[in-house]
């Protein structure tokens, strides 16, 4: 479960990092 969540969090973390970069 931890590995599957990490895989799903990978793209989410990337988007979350680029979102504030473009917004801020």
PDB file of N, CA and C in Angstrom:
ATOM      1  N   UNK A   1       0.862  -1.199   0.000  1.00  0.00           N
ATOM      2  CA  UNK A   1       0.000   0.000   0.000  1.00  0.00           C
ATOM      3  C   UNK A   1       0.896   1.246   0.000  1.00  0.00           C
ATOM      4  N   UNK A   2       1.964   1.203   0.772  1.00  0.00           N
ATOM      5  CA  UNK A   2       2.846   2.370   0.847  1.00  0.00           C
ATOM      6  C   UNK A   2       3.505   2.617  -0.523  1.00  0.00           C
ATOM      7  N   UNK A   3       3.860   1.522  -1.180  1.00  0.00           N
ATOM      8  CA  UNK A   3       4.527   1.669  -2.480  1.00  0.00           C
ATOM      9  C   UNK A   3       3.546   2.200  -3.523  1.00  0.00           C
ATOM     10  N   UNK A   4       2.289   1.721  -3.436  1.00  0.00           N
ATOM     11  CA  UNK A   4       1.292   2.156  -4.424  1.00  0.00           C
ATOM     12  C   UNK A   4       0.950   3.628  -4.185  1.00  0.00           C
ATOM     13  N   UNK A   5       0.913   4.003  -2.931  1.00  0.00           N
ATOM     14  CA  UNK A   5       0.571   5.400  -2.597  1.00  0.00           C
ATOM     15  C   UNK A   5       1.722   6.317  -3.038  1.00  0.00           C
ATOM     16  N   UNK A   6       2.925   5.829  -2.904  1.00  0.00           N
ATOM     17  CA  UNK A   6       4.076   6.636  -3.292  1.00  0.00           C
ATOM     18  C   UNK A   6       4.071   6.875  -4.803  1.00  0.00           C
ATOM     19  N   UNK A   7       3.677   5.853  -5.549  1.00  0.00           N
ATOM     20  CA  UNK A   7       3.635   5.958  -7.008  1.00  0.00           C
ATOM     21  C   UNK A   7       2.567   6.965  -7.416  1.00  0.00           C
ATOM     22  N   UNK A   8       1.477   6.976  -6.684  1.00  0.00           N
ATOM     23  CA  UNK A   8       0.378   7.897  -7.024  1.00  0.00           C
ATOM     24  C   UNK A   8       0.714   9.304  -6.528  1.00  0.00           C
ATOM     25  N   UNK A   9       1.530   9.372  -5.513  1.00  0.00           N
ATOM     26  CA  UNK A   9       1.913  10.671  -4.951  1.00  0.00           C
ATOM     27  C   UNK A   9       3.027  11.314  -5.777  1.00  0.00           C
ATOM     28  N   UNK A  10       3.732  10.501  -6.530  1.00  0.00           N
ATOM     29  CA  UNK A  10       4.846  11.019  -7.333  1.00  0.00           C
ATOM     30  C   UNK A  10       4.380  12.123  -8.290  1.00  0.00           C
ATOM     31  N   UNK A  11       3.373  11.841  -9.107  1.00  0.00           N
ATOM     32  CA  UNK A  11       2.859  12.858 -10.052  1.00  0.00           C
ATOM     33  C   UNK A  11       2.165  13.993  -9.316  1.00  0.00           C
ATOM     34  N   UNK A  12       1.561  13.668  -8.190  1.00  0.00           N
ATOM     35  CA  UNK A  12       0.835  14.691  -7.424  1.00  0.00           C
ATOM     36  C   UNK A  12       1.848  15.663  -6.814  1.00  0.00           C
ATOM     37  N   UNK A  13       2.942  15.119  -6.328  1.00  0.00           N
ATOM     38  CA  UNK A  13       3.965  15.960  -5.704  1.00  0.00           C
ATOM     39  C   UNK A  13       4.606  16.856  -6.764  1.00  0.00           C
ATOM     40  N   UNK A  14       4.784  16.316  -7.947  1.00  0.00           N
ATOM     41  CA  UNK A  14       5.399  17.080  -9.025  1.00  0.00           C
ATOM     42  C   UNK A  14       4.490  18.231  -9.427  1.00  0.00           C
ATOM     43  N   UNK A  15       3.195  17.951  -9.545  1.00  0.00           N
ATOM     44  CA  UNK A  15       2.220  18.972  -9.935  1.00  0.00           C
ATOM     45  C   UNK A  15       2.099  20.001  -8.821  1.00  0.00           C
ATOM     46  N   UNK A  16       2.116  19.548  -7.587  1.00  0.00           N
ATOM     47  CA  UNK A  16       1.966  20.460  -6.441  1.00  0.00           C
ATOM     48  C   UNK A  16       3.180  21.388  -6.383  1.00  0.00           C
ATOM     49  N   UNK A  17       4.312  20.901  -6.825  1.00  0.00           N
ATOM     50  CA  UNK A  17       5.534  21.720  -6.782  1.00  0.00           C
ATOM     51  C   UNK A  17       5.535  22.751  -7.917  1.00  0.00           C
ATOM     52  N   UNK A  18       4.961  22.355  -9.064  1.00  0.00           N
ATOM     53  CA  UNK A  18       4.934  23.267 -10.210  1.00  0.00           C
ATOM     54  C   UNK A  18       3.781  24.256 -10.096  1.00  0.00           C
ATOM     55  N   UNK A  19       2.754  23.871  -9.393  1.00  0.00           N
ATOM     56  CA  UNK A  19       1.579  24.743  -9.245  1.00  0.00           C
ATOM     57  C   UNK A  19       1.944  26.032  -8.505  1.00  0.00           C
ATOM     58  N   UNK A  20       2.580  25.919  -7.345  1.00  0.00           N
ATOM     59  CA  UNK A  20       2.957  27.125  -6.599  1.00  0.00           C
ATOM     60  C   UNK A  20       4.036  27.920  -7.339  1.00  0.00           C
ATOM     61  N   UNK A  21       4.839  27.237  -8.113  1.00  0.00           N
ATOM     62  CA  UNK A  21       5.906  27.907  -8.857  1.00  0.00           C
ATOM     63  C   UNK A  21       5.292  28.832  -9.911  1.00  0.00           C
ATOM     64  N   UNK A  22       4.234  28.359 -10.561  1.00  0.00           N
ATOM     65  CA  UNK A  22       3.574  29.157 -11.606  1.00  0.00           C
ATOM     66  C   UNK A  22       2.657  30.198 -10.964  1.00  0.00           C
ATOM     67  N   UNK A  23       2.047  29.808  -9.853  1.00  0.00           N
ATOM     68  CA  UNK A  23       1.104  30.708  -9.179  1.00  0.00           C
ATOM     69  C   UNK A  23       1.872  31.784  -8.417  1.00  0.00           C
ATOM     70  N   UNK A  24       2.982  31.372  -7.825  1.00  0.00           N
ATOM     71  CA  UNK A  24       3.730  32.315  -7.011  1.00  0.00           C
ATOM     72  C   UNK A  24       4.790  33.015  -7.839  1.00  0.00           C
TER      73      UNK A  24
END
